[in-house]
Amino acid sequence: MPSEKIVHNILKKAGYSPMDDRSIIVTYAPANLSEKISRFFSNEFFVLQMCESSLVLLPFGRMSFMLKKNVALEIPYTRIHKVEIKEDLLNWRIELDTDDGLIALSAQQKELSEFRTSGTLSVGMSGFGSGIMGKGPLKTANWHRTNLDATLDSLKALSC
């Protein structure tokens, strides 16, 4: 699974200036419980990366869970009017009110991320380096968990 450094390298090659420690794993948020149930086994995941002048989503492959090298969505900060972040069961719901309408994303909370897809995608299938086995040589490398609070705070600040 990709390290945060790989995410940054892909974006730099695409002409973006990614901000350090401002990337998390997200999905598009379901509209209701029925959609949440139907998407459970077929959800598409993205890296949400805050860059110098825009938010960028990089998609993961649905079958391989490997990061694709094409930008799925770019939202310039100047087009974002308001950001709301709400707790939604075990996730955070991120609502971006933009010039083009509402974009709702969902990010898994950090406390259980080692046991959920966000931890798998930001650490790897083995859990090595996730911190779940303790400190020391297996230092924390789950960048979704590490970056979540600061990224959510930075997103909220876009509303000001």
C-alpha atoms as a PDB file:
ATOM      1  CA  MET A   1       0.000   0.000   0.000  1.00  0.00           C
ATOM      2  CA  PRO A   2       1.271   3.478  -0.729  1.00  0.00           C
ATOM      3  CA  SER A   3       3.231   5.527   1.719  1.00  0.00           C
ATOM      4  CA  GLU A   4       2.460   9.200   2.048  1.00  0.00           C
ATOM      5  CA  LYS A   5       5.705   9.844   0.171  1.00  0.00           C
ATOM      6  CA  ILE A   6       4.347   7.933  -2.846  1.00  0.00           C
ATOM      7  CA  VAL A   7       1.168  10.040  -2.757  1.00  0.00           C
ATOM      8  CA  HIS A   8       3.289  13.210  -2.738  1.00  0.00           C
ATOM      9  CA  ASN A   9       5.470  11.969  -5.611  1.00  0.00           C
ATOM     10  CA  ILE A  10       2.428  11.203  -7.788  1.00  0.00           C
ATOM     11  CA  LEU A  11       0.962  14.641  -7.124  1.00  0.00           C
ATOM     12  CA  LYS A  12       4.245  16.474  -7.691  1.00  0.00           C
ATOM     13  CA  LYS A  13       4.572  14.758 -11.074  1.00  0.00           C
ATOM     14  CA  ALA A  14       1.020  15.912 -11.866  1.00  0.00           C
ATOM     15  CA  GLY A  15       1.977  19.532 -11.067  1.00  0.00           C
ATOM     16  CA  TYR A  16       0.577  19.915  -7.543  1.00  0.00           C
ATOM     17  CA  SER A  17       2.295  21.066  -4.346  1.00  0.00           C
ATOM     18  CA  PRO A  18       1.099  18.664  -1.615  1.00  0.00           C
ATOM     19  CA  MET A  19       1.158  19.840   1.995  1.00  0.00           C
ATOM     20  CA  ASP A  20       2.972  17.627   4.496  1.00  0.00           C
ATOM     21  CA  ASP A  21       0.801  15.603   6.893  1.00  0.00           C
ATOM     22  CA  ARG A  22      -2.456  16.649   5.205  1.00  0.00           C
ATOM     23  CA  SER A  23      -3.579  13.444   3.511  1.00  0.00           C
ATOM     24  CA  ILE A  24      -6.256  11.004   4.641  1.00  0.00           C
ATOM     25  CA  ILE A  25      -8.289   8.120   3.199  1.00  0.00           C
ATOM     26  CA  VAL A  26     -11.884   9.006   2.197  1.00  0.00           C
ATOM     27  CA  THR A  27     -14.883   7.691   0.283  1.00  0.00           C
ATOM     28  CA  TYR A  28     -17.894   9.481  -1.090  1.00  0.00           C
ATOM     29  CA  ALA A  29     -20.405   9.606   1.767  1.00  0.00           C
ATOM     30  CA  PRO A  30     -23.612   7.627   1.334  1.00  0.00           C
ATOM     31  CA  ALA A  31     -26.841   9.622   1.382  1.00  0.00           C
ATOM     32  CA  ASN A  32     -28.724   7.250   3.703  1.00  0.00           C
ATOM     33  CA  LEU A  33     -28.568   3.882   5.498  1.00  0.00           C
ATOM     34  CA  SER A  34     -29.748   1.917   2.438  1.00  0.00           C
ATOM     35  CA  GLU A  35     -26.917   3.313   0.347  1.00  0.00           C
ATOM     36  CA  LYS A  36     -24.484   2.661   3.188  1.00  0.00           C
ATOM     37  CA  ILE A  37     -25.500  -1.027   3.233  1.00  0.00           C
ATOM     38  CA  SER A  38     -25.393  -1.416  -0.556  1.00  0.00           C
ATOM     39  CA  ARG A  39     -21.924   0.176  -0.758  1.00  0.00           C
ATOM     40  CA  PHE A  40     -20.432  -1.849   2.090  1.00  0.00           C
ATOM     41  CA  PHE A  41     -18.667  -4.340  -0.186  1.00  0.00           C
ATOM     42  CA  SER A  42     -18.116  -2.140  -3.227  1.00  0.00           C
ATOM     43  CA  ASN A  43     -16.941   1.190  -1.883  1.00  0.00           C
ATOM     44  CA  GLU A  44     -14.318   3.174  -3.777  1.00  0.00           C
ATOM     45  CA  PHE A  45     -11.547   4.776  -1.715  1.00  0.00           C
ATOM     46  CA  PHE A  46      -9.454   7.879  -2.377  1.00  0.00           C
ATOM     47  CA  VAL A  47      -6.574   9.773  -0.849  1.00  0.00           C
ATOM     48  CA  LEU A  48      -7.744  13.281   0.002  1.00  0.00           C
ATOM     49  CA  GLN A  49      -4.622  15.436  -0.188  1.00  0.00           C
ATOM     50  CA  MET A  50      -4.504  19.096   0.711  1.00  0.00           C
ATOM     51  CA  CYS A  51      -2.227  20.901  -1.710  1.00  0.00           C
ATOM     52  CA  GLU A  52      -1.041  24.496  -1.841  1.00  0.00           C
ATOM     53  CA  SER A  53      -4.131  25.829  -3.632  1.00  0.00           C
ATOM     54  CA  SER A  54      -6.587  22.927  -3.874  1.00  0.00           C
ATOM     55  CA  LEU A  55      -7.926  19.643  -2.507  1.00  0.00           C
ATOM     56  CA  VAL A  56      -7.107  16.642  -4.671  1.00  0.00           C
ATOM     57  CA  LEU A  57      -8.563  13.123  -4.674  1.00  0.00           C
ATOM     58  CA  LEU A  58      -6.429  10.231  -5.917  1.00  0.00           C
ATOM     59  CA  PRO A  59      -8.350   6.977  -6.446  1.00  0.00           C
ATOM     60  CA  PHE A  60      -7.428   3.475  -5.337  1.00  0.00           C
ATOM     61  CA  GLY A  61      -8.189   0.560  -7.655  1.00  0.00           C
ATOM     62  CA  ARG A  62     -11.332  -1.298  -6.595  1.00  0.00           C
ATOM     63  CA  MET A  63      -9.846  -4.766  -6.953  1.00  0.00           C
ATOM     64  CA  SER A  64      -6.137  -4.223  -6.339  1.00  0.00           C
ATOM     65  CA  PHE A  65      -6.342  -1.391  -3.787  1.00  0.00           C
ATOM     66  CA  MET A  66      -3.271   0.050  -5.498  1.00  0.00           C
ATOM     67  CA  LEU A  67      -3.161   3.820  -5.860  1.00  0.00           C
ATOM     68  CA  LYS A  68      -3.936   5.034  -9.365  1.00  0.00           C
ATOM     69  CA  LYS A  69      -1.743   7.764 -10.846  1.00  0.00           C
ATOM     70  CA  ASN A  70      -4.558   9.965 -12.130  1.00  0.00           C
ATOM     71  CA  VAL A  71      -6.361  12.720 -10.247  1.00  0.00           C
ATOM     72  CA  ALA A  72     -10.061  11.890  -9.798  1.00  0.00           C
ATOM     73  CA  LEU A  73     -11.080  15.344  -8.588  1.00  0.00           C
ATOM     74  CA  GLU A  74      -9.490  18.717  -7.923  1.00  0.00           C
ATOM     75  CA  ILE A  75     -11.318  21.388  -5.924  1.00  0.00           C
ATOM     76  CA  PRO A  76      -9.581  24.775  -5.808  1.00  0.00           C
ATOM     77  CA  TYR A  77      -9.865  26.386  -2.363  1.00  0.00           C
ATOM     78  CA  THR A  78     -11.347  29.486  -3.987  1.00  0.00           C
ATOM     79  CA  ARG A  79     -14.386  27.392  -5.026  1.00  0.00           C
ATOM     80  CA  ILE A  80     -15.076  26.121  -1.490  1.00  0.00           C
ATOM     81  CA  HIS A  81     -17.591  28.268   0.397  1.00  0.00           C
ATOM     82  CA  LYS A  82     -18.098  26.236   3.554  1.00  0.00           C
ATOM     83  CA  VAL A  83     -16.797  23.052   5.182  1.00  0.00           C
ATOM     84  CA  GLU A  84     -18.766  21.103   7.777  1.00  0.00           C
ATOM     85  CA  ILE A  85     -17.391  18.100   9.619  1.00  0.00           C
ATOM     86  CA  LYS A  86     -19.717  15.901  11.672  1.00  0.00           C
ATOM     87  CA  GLU A  87     -19.366  12.620  13.507  1.00  0.00           C
ATOM     88  CA  ASP A  88     -21.273   9.861  11.671  1.00  0.00           C
ATOM     89  CA  LEU A  89     -21.165   6.621  13.701  1.00  0.00           C
ATOM     90  CA  LEU A  90     -17.571   5.331  13.242  1.00  0.00           C
ATOM     91  CA  ASN A  91     -16.738   7.905  10.572  1.00  0.00           C
ATOM     92  CA  TRP A  92     -16.371  11.637  10.012  1.00  0.00           C
ATOM     93  CA  ARG A  93     -18.679  13.182   7.412  1.00  0.00           C
ATOM     94  CA  ILE A  94     -16.944  15.978   5.493  1.00  0.00           C
ATOM     95  CA  GLU A  95     -19.321  18.254   3.589  1.00  0.00           C
ATOM     96  CA  LEU A  96     -17.795  20.693   1.127  1.00  0.00           C
ATOM     97  CA  ASP A  97     -20.136  23.389  -0.157  1.00  0.00           C
ATOM     98  CA  THR A  98     -18.567  24.393  -3.478  1.00  0.00           C
ATOM     99  CA  ASP A  99     -19.439  26.473  -6.544  1.00  0.00           C
ATOM    100  CA  ASP A 100     -20.616  23.226  -8.161  1.00  0.00           C
ATOM    101  CA  GLY A 101     -22.745  22.032  -5.223  1.00  0.00           C
ATOM    102  CA  LEU A 102     -22.310  19.856  -2.154  1.00  0.00           C
ATOM    103  CA  ILE A 103     -19.604  17.196  -2.088  1.00  0.00           C
ATOM    104  CA  ALA A 104     -19.959  14.797   0.837  1.00  0.00           C
ATOM    105  CA  LEU A 105     -17.032  12.595   1.838  1.00  0.00           C
ATOM    106  CA  SER A 106     -16.548  10.112   4.632  1.00  0.00           C
ATOM    107  CA  ALA A 107     -13.335   9.432   6.566  1.00  0.00           C
ATOM    108  CA  GLN A 108     -12.973   6.572   9.006  1.00  0.00           C
ATOM    109  CA  GLN A 109     -12.202   7.627  12.570  1.00  0.00           C
ATOM    110  CA  LYS A 110      -8.603   7.069  13.614  1.00  0.00           C
ATOM    111  CA  GLU A 111      -9.200   4.999  16.744  1.00  0.00           C
ATOM    112  CA  LEU A 112     -10.164   1.836  14.829  1.00  0.00           C
ATOM    113  CA  SER A 113      -8.350   2.516  11.573  1.00  0.00           C
ATOM    114  CA  GLU A 114      -5.936  -0.413  11.992  1.00  0.00           C
ATOM    115  CA  PHE A 115      -8.962  -2.711  11.790  1.00  0.00           C
ATOM    116  CA  ARG A 116     -10.649  -0.890   8.909  1.00  0.00           C
ATOM    117  CA  THR A 117      -9.901  -0.069   5.282  1.00  0.00           C
ATOM    118  CA  SER A 118      -8.219   3.270   6.040  1.00  0.00           C
ATOM    119  CA  GLY A 119      -5.554   1.471   8.075  1.00  0.00           C
ATOM    120  CA  THR A 120      -5.090  -1.206   5.435  1.00  0.00           C
ATOM    121  CA  LEU A 121      -4.676   1.375   2.680  1.00  0.00           C
ATOM    122  CA  SER A 122      -2.324   3.636   4.642  1.00  0.00           C
ATOM    123  CA  VAL A 123      -0.219   0.892   6.252  1.00  0.00           C
ATOM    124  CA  GLY A 124      -0.602  -2.290   4.255  1.00  0.00           C
ATOM    125  CA  MET A 125      -2.308  -5.629   4.606  1.00  0.00           C
ATOM    126  CA  SER A 126       0.137  -7.005   7.192  1.00  0.00           C
ATOM    127  CA  GLY A 127      -0.279  -4.225   9.737  1.00  0.00           C
ATOM    128  CA  PHE A 128       3.537  -4.018  10.011  1.00  0.00           C
ATOM    129  CA  GLY A 129       4.511  -0.552  11.098  1.00  0.00           C
ATOM    130  CA  SER A 130       0.975   0.315  12.174  1.00  0.00           C
ATOM    131  CA  GLY A 131       1.865   0.596  15.835  1.00  0.00           C
ATOM    132  CA  ILE A 132      -0.685  -2.080  16.671  1.00  0.00           C
ATOM    133  CA  MET A 133       2.089  -4.413  17.863  1.00  0.00           C
ATOM    134  CA  GLY A 134       3.703  -1.766  20.054  1.00  0.00           C
ATOM    135  CA  LYS A 135       6.391   0.875  19.724  1.00  0.00           C
ATOM    136  CA  GLY A 136      10.064   0.555  18.828  1.00  0.00           C
ATOM    137  CA  PRO A 137      11.031  -0.917  15.472  1.00  0.00           C
ATOM    138  CA  LEU A 138       7.353  -1.177  14.596  1.00  0.00           C
ATOM    139  CA  LYS A 139       6.834   2.567  14.845  1.00  0.00           C
ATOM    140  CA  THR A 140       3.513   4.097  13.929  1.00  0.00           C
ATOM    141  CA  ALA A 141       3.232   4.428  10.155  1.00  0.00           C
ATOM    142  CA  ASN A 142      -0.537   4.662   9.686  1.00  0.00           C
ATOM    143  CA  TRP A 143      -0.562   8.055   8.013  1.00  0.00           C
ATOM    144  CA  HIS A 144      -4.369   8.212   7.911  1.00  0.00           C
ATOM    145  CA  ARG A 145      -4.521   8.014  11.710  1.00  0.00           C
ATOM    146  CA  THR A 146      -1.532  10.319  12.176  1.00  0.00           C
ATOM    147  CA  ASN A 147      -2.883  13.009   9.812  1.00  0.00           C
ATOM    148  CA  LEU A 148      -6.612  12.851  10.540  1.00  0.00           C
ATOM    149  CA  ASP A 149      -6.998  15.482  13.288  1.00  0.00           C
ATOM    150  CA  ALA A 150      -4.753  18.086  11.650  1.00  0.00           C
ATOM    151  CA  THR A 151      -6.311  17.515   8.224  1.00  0.00           C
ATOM    152  CA  LEU A 152      -9.860  17.895   9.582  1.00  0.00           C
ATOM    153  CA  ASP A 153      -8.805  21.090  11.397  1.00  0.00           C
ATOM    154  CA  SER A 154      -7.243  22.464   8.208  1.00  0.00           C
ATOM    155  CA  LEU A 155     -10.384  21.634   6.230  1.00  0.00           C
ATOM    156  CA  LYS A 156     -12.552  23.430   8.810  1.00  0.00           C
ATOM    157  CA  ALA A 157     -10.286  26.480   8.516  1.00  0.00           C
ATOM    158  CA  LEU A 158     -11.150  26.717   4.798  1.00  0.00           C
ATOM    159  CA  SER A 159     -14.594  28.034   5.816  1.00  0.00           C
ATOM    160  CA  CYS A 160     -13.151  31.174   7.382  1.00  0.00           C
END
